[in-house]
C-alpha atoms as a PDB file:
ATOM      1  CA  UNK A   1     -38.509 121.005   8.545  1.00  0.00           C
ATOM      2  CA  UNK A   2     -40.676 123.870   9.747  1.00  0.00           C
ATOM      3  CA  UNK A   3     -37.888 124.943  12.105  1.00  0.00           C
ATOM      4  CA  UNK A   4     -35.435 125.292   9.191  1.00  0.00           C
ATOM      5  CA  UNK A   5     -37.867 127.445   7.214  1.00  0.00           C
ATOM      6  CA  UNK A   6     -38.523 129.717  10.192  1.00  0.00           C
ATOM      7  CA  UNK A   7     -34.788 130.070  10.879  1.00  0.00           C
ATOM      8  CA  UNK A   8     -34.040 130.935   7.243  1.00  0.00           C
ATOM      9  CA  UNK A   9     -36.767 133.560   7.235  1.00  0.00           C
ATOM     10  CA  UNK A  10     -35.421 134.964  10.506  1.00  0.00           C
ATOM     11  CA  UNK A  11     -31.827 135.085   9.215  1.00  0.00           C
ATOM     12  CA  UNK A  12     -32.908 136.716   5.955  1.00  0.00           C
ATOM     13  CA  UNK A  13     -34.969 139.314   7.815  1.00  0.00           C
ATOM     14  CA  UNK A  14     -32.067 140.192  10.144  1.00  0.00           C
ATOM     15  CA  UNK A  15     -29.648 140.401   7.210  1.00  0.00           C
ATOM     16  CA  UNK A  16     -31.995 142.634   5.211  1.00  0.00           C
ATOM     17  CA  UNK A  17     -32.660 144.868   8.207  1.00  0.00           C
ATOM     18  CA  UNK A  18     -28.945 145.216   8.942  1.00  0.00           C
ATOM     19  CA  UNK A  19     -28.197 146.116   5.319  1.00  0.00           C
ATOM     20  CA  UNK A  20     -30.996 148.701   5.298  1.00  0.00           C
ATOM     21  CA  UNK A  21     -29.786 150.303   8.525  1.00  0.00           C
ATOM     22  CA  UNK A  22     -26.181 150.490   7.292  1.00  0.00           C
ATOM     23  CA  UNK A  23     -27.354 152.008   4.002  1.00  0.00           C
ATOM     24  CA  UNK A  24     -29.490 154.570   5.839  1.00  0.00           C
ATOM     25  CA  UNK A  25     -26.647 155.593   8.169  1.00  0.00           C
ATOM     26  CA  UNK A  26     -24.273 155.909   5.204  1.00  0.00           C
ATOM     27  CA  UNK A  27     -26.663 157.955   3.035  1.00  0.00           C
ATOM     28  CA  UNK A  28     -28.193 160.105   5.799  1.00  0.00           C
ATOM     29  CA  UNK A  29     -25.560 160.482   8.558  1.00  0.00           C
ATOM     30  CA  UNK A  30     -26.519 162.212  11.765  1.00  0.00           C
ATOM     31  CA  UNK A  31     -25.489 165.846  12.080  1.00  0.00           C
ATOM     32  CA  UNK A  32     -23.332 165.063  15.108  1.00  0.00           C
ATOM     33  CA  UNK A  33     -21.279 162.537  13.135  1.00  0.00           C
ATOM     34  CA  UNK A  34     -20.348 164.949  10.373  1.00  0.00           C
ATOM     35  CA  UNK A  35     -18.378 167.662  12.188  1.00  0.00           C
ATOM     36  CA  UNK A  36     -16.944 168.451  15.590  1.00  0.00           C
ATOM     37  CA  UNK A  37     -18.396 171.155  17.830  1.00  0.00           C
ATOM     38  CA  UNK A  38     -15.910 173.594  16.262  1.00  0.00           C
ATOM     39  CA  UNK A  39     -17.105 172.795  12.751  1.00  0.00           C
ATOM     40  CA  UNK A  40     -14.136 170.647  11.716  1.00  0.00           C
ATOM     41  CA  UNK A  41     -15.012 167.480   9.778  1.00  0.00           C
ATOM     42  CA  UNK A  42     -14.067 164.370  11.730  1.00  0.00           C
ATOM     43  CA  UNK A  43     -12.127 162.772   8.886  1.00  0.00           C
ATOM     44  CA  UNK A  44      -9.902 165.777   8.187  1.00  0.00           C
ATOM     45  CA  UNK A  45      -6.240 164.802   7.813  1.00  0.00           C
ATOM     46  CA  UNK A  46      -3.618 166.310  10.081  1.00  0.00           C
ATOM     47  CA  UNK A  47      -1.627 169.354   8.961  1.00  0.00           C
ATOM     48  CA  UNK A  48       2.134 169.752   9.172  1.00  0.00           C
ATOM     49  CA  UNK A  49       3.653 172.415  11.404  1.00  0.00           C
ATOM     50  CA  UNK A  50       5.884 174.542   9.135  1.00  0.00           C
ATOM     51  CA  UNK A  51       8.736 174.912  11.639  1.00  0.00           C
ATOM     52  CA  UNK A  52       8.870 171.557  13.435  1.00  0.00           C
ATOM     53  CA  UNK A  53       7.335 169.253  10.822  1.00  0.00           C
ATOM     54  CA  UNK A  54       5.097 167.633  13.447  1.00  0.00           C
ATOM     55  CA  UNK A  55       1.576 166.574  12.543  1.00  0.00           C
ATOM     56  CA  UNK A  56      -1.069 168.792  14.133  1.00  0.00           C
ATOM     57  CA  UNK A  57      -4.762 168.073  14.565  1.00  0.00           C
ATOM     58  CA  UNK A  58      -6.940 170.608  12.733  1.00  0.00           C
ATOM     59  CA  UNK A  59      -9.369 170.758  15.664  1.00  0.00           C
ATOM     60  CA  UNK A  60      -6.479 171.799  17.937  1.00  0.00           C
ATOM     61  CA  UNK A  61      -5.647 174.644  15.530  1.00  0.00           C
ATOM     62  CA  UNK A  62      -9.255 175.829  15.500  1.00  0.00           C
ATOM     63  CA  UNK A  63      -9.347 175.874  19.318  1.00  0.00           C
ATOM     64  CA  UNK A  64      -6.041 177.780  19.363  1.00  0.00           C
ATOM     65  CA  UNK A  65      -7.268 180.484  16.997  1.00  0.00           C
ATOM     66  CA  UNK A  66     -10.606 180.747  18.808  1.00  0.00           C
ATOM     67  CA  UNK A  67      -8.728 181.303  22.073  1.00  0.00           C
ATOM     68  CA  UNK A  68     -10.070 178.252  23.885  1.00  0.00           C
END
């Protein structure tokens, strides 16, 4: 009986802690998770090359125009 109560408290504490951590990471993301080193947001969609129609990564374009 006591074992079941302790296990339920433990499971509830782990669940609450996990929810709090996920909420914190979602609301206050780390600076390194927001943009790349070139300043491009990580979740930026690809752009279409006007001549070939191929999808290009925005970070690749930034490196190209910076001369890297």
